[in-house]
Amino acid sequence: MEQKKKDETMSNHINNNDSEKGDAQKWSNAADEIIRKDFLKEARDKCKEKVEIFVECARENNLLVIFKCRQQNREMNDCVGQYTSEAKWNEYRKKKVRDFEAKGSIQPTALKYKPL
């Protein structure tokens, strides 16, 4: 159910008309933002244990988190970083675009894909 709602939201963010009249549809910045959030959530989920350790340290140390939780923060960032490289983002984005093309939500020839 949640995936269907995301798909509908994504479809709503595919804009009509580009710089030329007659261009069918293009991928919008809003659609990119939605899939980037999913991409980052998946990375955090893969590093759930490290994230939880850092969050617990932060809760215990409040304002001193910067000094007392450096190691936990570094470990969390290293873990998340291995899943969020530029190459992985571009690969994830291309996969999502192909998924929407397969569903007929976007026309492949009209897609203005630009790697970040």
C-alpha atoms as a PDB file:
ATOM      1  CA  MET A   1       0.000   0.000   0.000  1.00  0.00           C
ATOM      2  CA  GLU A   2       2.783   2.420   0.974  1.00  0.00           C
ATOM      3  CA  GLN A   3       4.720   1.626  -2.225  1.00  0.00           C
ATOM      4  CA  LYS A   4       1.606   2.310  -4.322  1.00  0.00           C
ATOM      5  CA  LYS A   5       1.221   5.709  -2.651  1.00  0.00           C
ATOM      6  CA  LYS A   6       4.912   6.499  -3.345  1.00  0.00           C
ATOM      7  CA  ASP A   7       4.448   5.488  -6.984  1.00  0.00           C
ATOM      8  CA  GLU A   8       1.453   7.806  -7.314  1.00  0.00           C
ATOM      9  CA  THR A   9       3.393  10.648  -5.702  1.00  0.00           C
ATOM     10  CA  MET A  10       6.312  10.037  -8.049  1.00  0.00           C
ATOM     11  CA  SER A  11       3.987  10.036 -11.052  1.00  0.00           C
ATOM     12  CA  ASN A  12       2.594  13.375  -9.929  1.00  0.00           C
ATOM     13  CA  HIS A  13       6.116  14.816  -9.991  1.00  0.00           C
ATOM     14  CA  ILE A  14       6.762  13.954 -13.611  1.00  0.00           C
ATOM     15  CA  ASN A  15       6.271  17.248 -15.384  1.00  0.00           C
ATOM     16  CA  ASN A  16       4.795  17.884 -18.804  1.00  0.00           C
ATOM     17  CA  ASN A  17       6.689  20.019 -21.320  1.00  0.00           C
ATOM     18  CA  ASP A  18      10.373  20.794 -21.202  1.00  0.00           C
ATOM     19  CA  SER A  19      12.169  23.607 -22.982  1.00  0.00           C
ATOM     20  CA  GLU A  20      10.615  22.511 -26.296  1.00  0.00           C
ATOM     21  CA  LYS A  21       6.895  22.182 -26.974  1.00  0.00           C
ATOM     22  CA  GLY A  22       6.027  18.618 -27.768  1.00  0.00           C
ATOM     23  CA  ASP A  23       8.520  16.998 -25.412  1.00  0.00           C
ATOM     24  CA  ALA A  24       6.399  14.485 -23.561  1.00  0.00           C
ATOM     25  CA  GLN A  25       7.583  14.235 -19.971  1.00  0.00           C
ATOM     26  CA  LYS A  26      10.675  14.688 -17.877  1.00  0.00           C
ATOM     27  CA  TRP A  27      11.853  13.592 -14.497  1.00  0.00           C
ATOM     28  CA  SER A  28      11.390  16.442 -12.044  1.00  0.00           C
ATOM     29  CA  ASN A  29      13.602  17.631  -9.213  1.00  0.00           C
ATOM     30  CA  ALA A  30      10.791  16.740  -6.795  1.00  0.00           C
ATOM     31  CA  ALA A  31      10.845  13.139  -8.062  1.00  0.00           C
ATOM     32  CA  ASP A  32      14.620  13.060  -7.573  1.00  0.00           C
ATOM     33  CA  GLU A  33      14.191  14.320  -4.026  1.00  0.00           C
ATOM     34  CA  ILE A  34      11.694  11.572  -3.227  1.00  0.00           C
ATOM     35  CA  ILE A  35      13.935   8.790  -4.492  1.00  0.00           C
ATOM     36  CA  ARG A  36      16.982  10.337  -2.788  1.00  0.00           C
ATOM     37  CA  LYS A  37      15.139  10.165   0.537  1.00  0.00           C
ATOM     38  CA  ASP A  38      14.373   6.491  -0.104  1.00  0.00           C
ATOM     39  CA  PHE A  39      18.002   5.906  -1.096  1.00  0.00           C
ATOM     40  CA  LEU A  40      19.304   7.458   2.130  1.00  0.00           C
ATOM     41  CA  LYS A  41      16.729   5.624   4.257  1.00  0.00           C
ATOM     42  CA  GLU A  42      17.866   2.308   2.791  1.00  0.00           C
ATOM     43  CA  ALA A  43      21.485   3.175   3.623  1.00  0.00           C
ATOM     44  CA  ARG A  44      20.543   4.056   7.216  1.00  0.00           C
ATOM     45  CA  ASP A  45      18.564   0.825   7.486  1.00  0.00           C
ATOM     46  CA  LYS A  46      21.610  -1.163   6.381  1.00  0.00           C
ATOM     47  CA  CYS A  47      23.609   0.563   9.142  1.00  0.00           C
ATOM     48  CA  LYS A  48      20.849   0.436  11.737  1.00  0.00           C
ATOM     49  CA  GLU A  49      23.076  -0.908  14.510  1.00  0.00           C
ATOM     50  CA  LYS A  50      25.708   1.836  14.073  1.00  0.00           C
ATOM     51  CA  VAL A  51      23.008   4.521  13.874  1.00  0.00           C
ATOM     52  CA  GLU A  52      21.375   3.252  17.075  1.00  0.00           C
ATOM     53  CA  ILE A  53      24.710   3.226  18.923  1.00  0.00           C
ATOM     54  CA  PHE A  54      25.362   6.828  17.906  1.00  0.00           C
ATOM     55  CA  VAL A  55      21.817   7.921  18.805  1.00  0.00           C
ATOM     56  CA  GLU A  56      22.123   6.333  22.257  1.00  0.00           C
ATOM     57  CA  CYS A  57      25.471   8.061  22.835  1.00  0.00           C
ATOM     58  CA  ALA A  58      23.973  11.363  21.727  1.00  0.00           C
ATOM     59  CA  ARG A  59      21.018  10.963  24.102  1.00  0.00           C
ATOM     60  CA  GLU A  60      23.322  10.213  27.023  1.00  0.00           C
ATOM     61  CA  ASN A  61      25.679  13.117  26.340  1.00  0.00           C
ATOM     62  CA  ASN A  62      23.399  15.924  25.098  1.00  0.00           C
ATOM     63  CA  LEU A  63      25.555  18.943  24.245  1.00  0.00           C
ATOM     64  CA  LEU A  64      28.795  17.032  24.746  1.00  0.00           C
ATOM     65  CA  VAL A  65      27.879  14.700  21.876  1.00  0.00           C
ATOM     66  CA  ILE A  66      30.451  16.418  19.655  1.00  0.00           C
ATOM     67  CA  PHE A  67      33.281  15.408  21.961  1.00  0.00           C
ATOM     68  CA  LYS A  68      32.071  12.203  23.584  1.00  0.00           C
ATOM     69  CA  CYS A  69      30.561  10.443  20.567  1.00  0.00           C
ATOM     70  CA  ARG A  70      33.186  11.090  17.898  1.00  0.00           C
ATOM     71  CA  GLN A  71      34.058   7.433  17.466  1.00  0.00           C
ATOM     72  CA  GLN A  72      30.417   6.339  17.193  1.00  0.00           C
ATOM     73  CA  ASN A  73      29.727   9.183  14.738  1.00  0.00           C
ATOM     74  CA  ARG A  74      32.731   8.218  12.628  1.00  0.00           C
ATOM     75  CA  GLU A  75      31.687   4.556  12.556  1.00  0.00           C
ATOM     76  CA  MET A  76      28.111   5.482  11.617  1.00  0.00           C
ATOM     77  CA  ASN A  77      29.265   7.838   8.849  1.00  0.00           C
ATOM     78  CA  ASP A  78      31.723   5.254   7.486  1.00  0.00           C
ATOM     79  CA  CYS A  79      28.967   2.657   7.345  1.00  0.00           C
ATOM     80  CA  VAL A  80      26.411   4.939   5.695  1.00  0.00           C
ATOM     81  CA  GLY A  81      29.087   6.331   3.378  1.00  0.00           C
ATOM     82  CA  GLN A  82      29.809   2.949   1.840  1.00  0.00           C
ATOM     83  CA  TYR A  83      26.186   2.789   0.636  1.00  0.00           C
ATOM     84  CA  THR A  84      25.784   6.408  -0.480  1.00  0.00           C
ATOM     85  CA  SER A  85      28.596   7.055  -2.918  1.00  0.00           C
ATOM     86  CA  GLU A  86      27.901   9.074  -6.047  1.00  0.00           C
ATOM     87  CA  ALA A  87      28.188   5.936  -8.180  1.00  0.00           C
ATOM     88  CA  LYS A  88      25.683   4.061  -6.004  1.00  0.00           C
ATOM     89  CA  TRP A  89      23.266   7.019  -6.135  1.00  0.00           C
ATOM     90  CA  ASN A  90      23.445   7.158  -9.942  1.00  0.00           C
ATOM     91  CA  GLU A  91      22.908   3.389 -10.151  1.00  0.00           C
ATOM     92  CA  TYR A  92      19.927   3.561  -7.745  1.00  0.00           C
ATOM     93  CA  ARG A  93      18.419   6.496  -9.633  1.00  0.00           C
ATOM     94  CA  LYS A  94      18.757   4.738 -13.001  1.00  0.00           C
ATOM     95  CA  LYS A  95      17.045   1.661 -11.550  1.00  0.00           C
ATOM     96  CA  LYS A  96      14.121   3.748 -10.276  1.00  0.00           C
ATOM     97  CA  VAL A  97      13.797   5.512 -13.631  1.00  0.00           C
ATOM     98  CA  ARG A  98      13.759   2.128 -15.414  1.00  0.00           C
ATOM     99  CA  ASP A  99      11.071   0.930 -12.972  1.00  0.00           C
ATOM    100  CA  PHE A 100       8.887   3.907 -13.837  1.00  0.00           C
ATOM    101  CA  GLU A 101       9.541   3.458 -17.551  1.00  0.00           C
ATOM    102  CA  ALA A 102       8.431  -0.176 -17.246  1.00  0.00           C
ATOM    103  CA  LYS A 103       5.219   0.933 -15.529  1.00  0.00           C
ATOM    104  CA  GLY A 104       4.575   3.458 -18.280  1.00  0.00           C
ATOM    105  CA  SER A 105       4.785   6.401 -15.884  1.00  0.00           C
ATOM    106  CA  ILE A 106       7.539   8.049 -17.908  1.00  0.00           C
ATOM    107  CA  GLN A 107       8.627   7.824 -21.523  1.00  0.00           C
ATOM    108  CA  PRO A 108      12.257   6.721 -21.929  1.00  0.00           C
ATOM    109  CA  THR A 109      12.931   8.967 -24.926  1.00  0.00           C
ATOM    110  CA  ALA A 110      11.705  12.075 -23.104  1.00  0.00           C
ATOM    111  CA  LEU A 111      13.805  11.458 -19.992  1.00  0.00           C
ATOM    112  CA  LYS A 112      16.394  14.140 -19.372  1.00  0.00           C
ATOM    113  CA  TYR A 113      18.775  12.133 -17.177  1.00  0.00           C
ATOM    114  CA  LYS A 114      21.688  14.041 -15.763  1.00  0.00           C
ATOM    115  CA  PRO A 115      24.026  12.273 -13.306  1.00  0.00           C
ATOM    116  CA  LEU A 116      24.645  14.331 -10.219  1.00  0.00           C
END
